[in-house]
Amino acid sequence: MTISVGADMKGSMLGLVAGVIVAVVAVVFIYNSMQTPDPVPLQTTSAPPQAAEQVTPPAPETVVPLREPAAVEPGADWRASPPAGARVRVSNGTGRPLMGSRFAKYFTAHGLTVHLIRNANSYEYRRTVIFYNPDQRDNAHALAAIVPFPVGLAEASVGRGEIEFVLGFDLITLDEALKTAPPA
């Protein structure tokens, strides 16, 4: 007994196989596009919540050249005057627990009020960077000149009134000193 398969049957089988392949590819594509990275653990703070439209800009491709790192003591004598109309944020770009909080206290002790403490968009910041909104350019450059450690500067293309210190691994030594310093 022989079974012969007609041209119509072969066409139907090919169409069915092609349909299954397309469906599998579509499911894989949708699944992969829905994957999200692990959430960044939040640092606790008593600062007011951040507005939804504000986003930390990505690490800059070009920054102002940094001064050479220098040993900085927590009690270094420097004083900042709070920029008029600016909100200063401190973001932890290293992933070290509570580093942002320690630096917020350090900045406050030197006259710079910090409005928000949080984790940066990445824990890969090798150098500390000050991101600033276009209207805060002069204030950001003045702060970079005052702080006793090297910082890069990068302008964020959107927003108003924000200056953000993103702490990098270059400040680990100072952070160690802040951890062991007696409370002010």
Protein backbone atom coordinates (compact mmCIF):
# COMPACT_ATOMS: atom_id res chain seq x y z
CA MET A 1 0.00 0.00 0.00
CA THR A 2 1.42 3.34 -0.98
CA ILE A 3 0.16 6.69 0.06
CA SER A 4 0.69 9.54 -2.30
CA VAL A 5 0.73 13.07 -0.99
CA GLY A 6 -0.64 15.64 -3.35
CA ALA A 7 0.77 19.11 -4.00
CA ASP A 8 -2.00 20.69 -1.92
CA MET A 9 -1.06 18.62 1.11
CA LYS A 10 2.64 19.51 0.79
CA GLY A 11 1.79 23.23 0.53
CA SER A 12 -0.40 23.02 3.63
CA MET A 13 2.34 21.30 5.62
CA LEU A 14 4.94 23.89 4.58
CA GLY A 15 2.57 26.71 5.54
CA LEU A 16 1.93 25.13 8.93
CA VAL A 17 5.66 24.68 9.65
CA ALA A 18 6.41 28.27 8.59
CA GLY A 19 3.61 29.56 10.83
CA VAL A 20 4.96 27.66 13.83
CA ILE A 21 8.48 29.02 13.23
CA VAL A 22 7.20 32.61 13.01
CA ALA A 23 5.20 32.17 16.22
CA VAL A 24 8.21 30.78 18.13
CA VAL A 25 10.44 33.64 16.95
CA ALA A 26 7.80 36.19 18.00
CA VAL A 27 7.47 34.65 21.49
CA VAL A 28 11.27 34.63 21.99
CA PHE A 29 11.52 38.26 20.82
CA ILE A 30 8.74 39.42 23.16
CA TYR A 31 10.19 37.49 26.10
CA ASN A 32 13.68 38.96 25.58
CA SER A 33 12.34 42.50 25.26
CA MET A 34 10.47 42.17 28.57
CA GLN A 35 13.58 41.24 30.58
CA THR A 36 14.72 44.00 32.97
CA PRO A 37 17.93 44.30 34.98
CA ASP A 38 17.92 43.67 38.71
CA PRO A 39 16.68 46.70 40.64
CA VAL A 40 19.26 48.85 42.43
CA PRO A 41 18.89 48.67 46.21
CA LEU A 42 17.71 51.97 47.65
CA GLN A 43 19.63 53.96 50.22
CA THR A 44 17.36 55.15 52.99
CA THR A 45 17.07 58.89 53.37
CA SER A 46 14.79 61.42 54.94
CA ALA A 47 15.06 63.70 51.90
CA PRO A 48 11.89 64.59 49.97
CA PRO A 49 10.98 62.29 47.06
CA GLN A 50 12.37 63.15 43.66
CA ALA A 51 10.08 64.39 40.89
CA ALA A 52 9.22 61.69 38.36
CA GLU A 53 10.56 63.54 35.32
CA GLN A 54 14.09 63.90 36.75
CA VAL A 55 16.46 61.20 35.63
CA THR A 56 20.13 60.77 36.40
CA PRO A 57 21.99 61.29 33.15
CA PRO A 58 24.31 58.53 31.94
CA ALA A 59 28.02 58.71 32.68
CA PRO A 60 29.57 61.39 30.49
CA GLU A 61 31.76 60.51 27.53
CA THR A 62 33.80 63.67 27.99
CA VAL A 63 34.40 65.53 31.22
CA VAL A 64 36.57 68.40 32.28
CA PRO A 65 40.04 67.04 33.12
CA LEU A 66 40.44 66.17 36.77
CA ARG A 67 43.08 67.42 39.14
CA GLU A 68 45.33 64.69 40.45
CA PRO A 69 43.84 62.85 43.44
CA ALA A 70 45.14 64.12 46.76
CA ALA A 71 44.85 62.79 50.27
CA VAL A 72 41.95 64.63 51.86
CA GLU A 73 41.20 64.61 55.56
CA PRO A 74 37.57 64.81 56.72
CA GLY A 75 38.44 67.98 58.65
CA ALA A 76 39.90 69.75 55.58
CA ASP A 77 39.24 73.47 55.81
CA TRP A 78 36.92 74.48 52.99
CA ARG A 79 33.59 76.24 52.90
CA ALA A 80 30.88 76.27 50.25
CA SER A 81 28.08 78.74 50.05
CA PRO A 82 24.81 77.15 48.94
CA PRO A 83 24.08 78.02 45.30
CA ALA A 84 21.01 80.28 45.06
CA GLY A 85 18.07 78.41 43.56
CA ALA A 86 19.94 75.12 43.20
CA ARG A 87 19.05 71.72 44.59
CA VAL A 88 22.17 69.71 45.41
CA ARG A 89 21.97 65.92 45.23
CA VAL A 90 24.50 63.28 46.22
CA SER A 91 24.42 59.95 44.36
CA ASN A 92 26.44 56.90 45.31
CA GLY A 93 28.23 55.70 42.16
CA THR A 94 30.23 52.97 43.93
CA GLY A 95 27.65 50.76 45.63
CA ARG A 96 29.33 51.18 49.03
CA PRO A 97 26.64 51.08 51.71
CA LEU A 98 25.75 54.53 53.08
CA MET A 99 28.54 56.34 51.23
CA GLY A 100 26.05 58.91 49.92
CA SER A 101 24.80 59.62 53.45
CA ARG A 102 28.32 60.10 54.79
CA PHE A 103 29.16 62.57 52.02
CA ALA A 104 25.87 64.44 52.50
CA LYS A 105 26.85 64.97 56.16
CA TYR A 106 30.37 65.94 55.09
CA PHE A 107 29.05 68.51 52.59
CA THR A 108 26.55 69.88 55.13
CA ALA A 109 29.34 70.32 57.68
CA HIS A 110 31.14 72.47 55.09
CA GLY A 111 28.13 74.69 54.32
CA LEU A 112 26.58 72.87 51.35
CA THR A 113 22.97 71.80 51.93
CA VAL A 114 22.10 68.46 50.31
CA HIS A 115 18.46 68.01 49.26
CA LEU A 116 18.52 64.39 48.08
CA ILE A 117 20.67 61.30 48.66
CA ARG A 118 20.34 58.29 46.38
CA ASN A 119 22.11 55.62 44.39
CA ALA A 120 23.48 56.52 40.97
CA ASN A 121 22.29 54.85 37.78
CA SER A 122 25.44 52.69 37.91
CA TYR A 123 28.02 51.54 40.43
CA GLU A 124 30.79 51.84 37.86
CA TYR A 125 31.90 55.45 38.44
CA ARG A 126 35.69 55.37 38.74
CA ARG A 127 35.90 59.17 39.16
CA THR A 128 33.58 61.60 40.90
CA VAL A 129 31.52 63.76 38.54
CA ILE A 130 29.33 66.81 39.06
CA PHE A 131 26.35 66.77 36.70
CA TYR A 132 24.56 70.06 36.39
CA ASN A 133 21.59 71.54 34.56
CA PRO A 134 22.44 74.27 32.05
CA ASP A 135 21.16 77.02 34.36
CA GLN A 136 23.55 75.84 37.12
CA ARG A 137 26.77 75.85 35.08
CA ASP A 138 28.47 78.67 37.04
CA ASN A 139 27.46 77.19 40.42
CA ALA A 140 28.73 73.72 39.45
CA HIS A 141 32.08 75.08 38.27
CA ALA A 142 32.41 77.12 41.48
CA LEU A 143 31.71 74.02 43.60
CA ALA A 144 34.24 71.98 41.60
CA ALA A 145 36.87 74.61 42.37
CA ILE A 146 36.08 74.64 46.11
CA VAL A 147 35.81 70.96 47.08
CA PRO A 148 39.17 69.56 48.22
CA PHE A 149 39.12 66.58 45.87
CA PRO A 150 39.14 66.24 42.08
CA VAL A 151 35.84 66.14 40.21
CA GLY A 152 34.79 66.01 36.59
CA LEU A 153 32.02 68.23 35.24
CA ALA A 154 29.28 67.23 32.83
CA GLU A 155 26.26 69.21 31.70
CA ALA A 156 22.91 67.43 31.70
CA SER A 157 20.90 68.42 28.68
CA VAL A 158 17.51 68.62 30.43
CA GLY A 159 16.16 69.96 33.69
CA ARG A 160 16.55 73.08 35.82
CA GLY A 161 18.08 73.90 39.16
CA GLU A 162 19.91 70.62 39.82
CA ILE A 163 23.53 69.92 40.72
CA GLU A 164 24.41 66.29 41.38
CA PHE A 165 27.60 64.91 42.87
CA VAL A 166 27.99 61.32 41.63
CA LEU A 167 30.56 59.79 43.97
CA GLY A 168 33.20 57.59 42.38
CA PHE A 169 35.78 55.06 43.52
CA ASP A 170 38.37 57.87 43.69
CA LEU A 171 36.75 58.95 47.00
CA ILE A 172 36.97 55.56 48.75
CA THR A 173 39.92 56.72 50.90
CA LEU A 174 38.03 59.81 52.05
CA ASP A 175 34.94 57.67 52.66
CA GLU A 176 36.99 55.37 54.90
CA ALA A 177 38.11 58.41 56.89
CA LEU A 178 34.50 59.64 57.12
CA LYS A 179 33.41 56.22 58.43
CA THR A 180 35.90 56.38 61.27
CA ALA A 181 35.71 60.13 62.00
CA PRO A 182 34.06 61.09 65.30
CA PRO A 183 30.58 62.58 64.89
CA ALA A 184 30.55 66.36 64.46
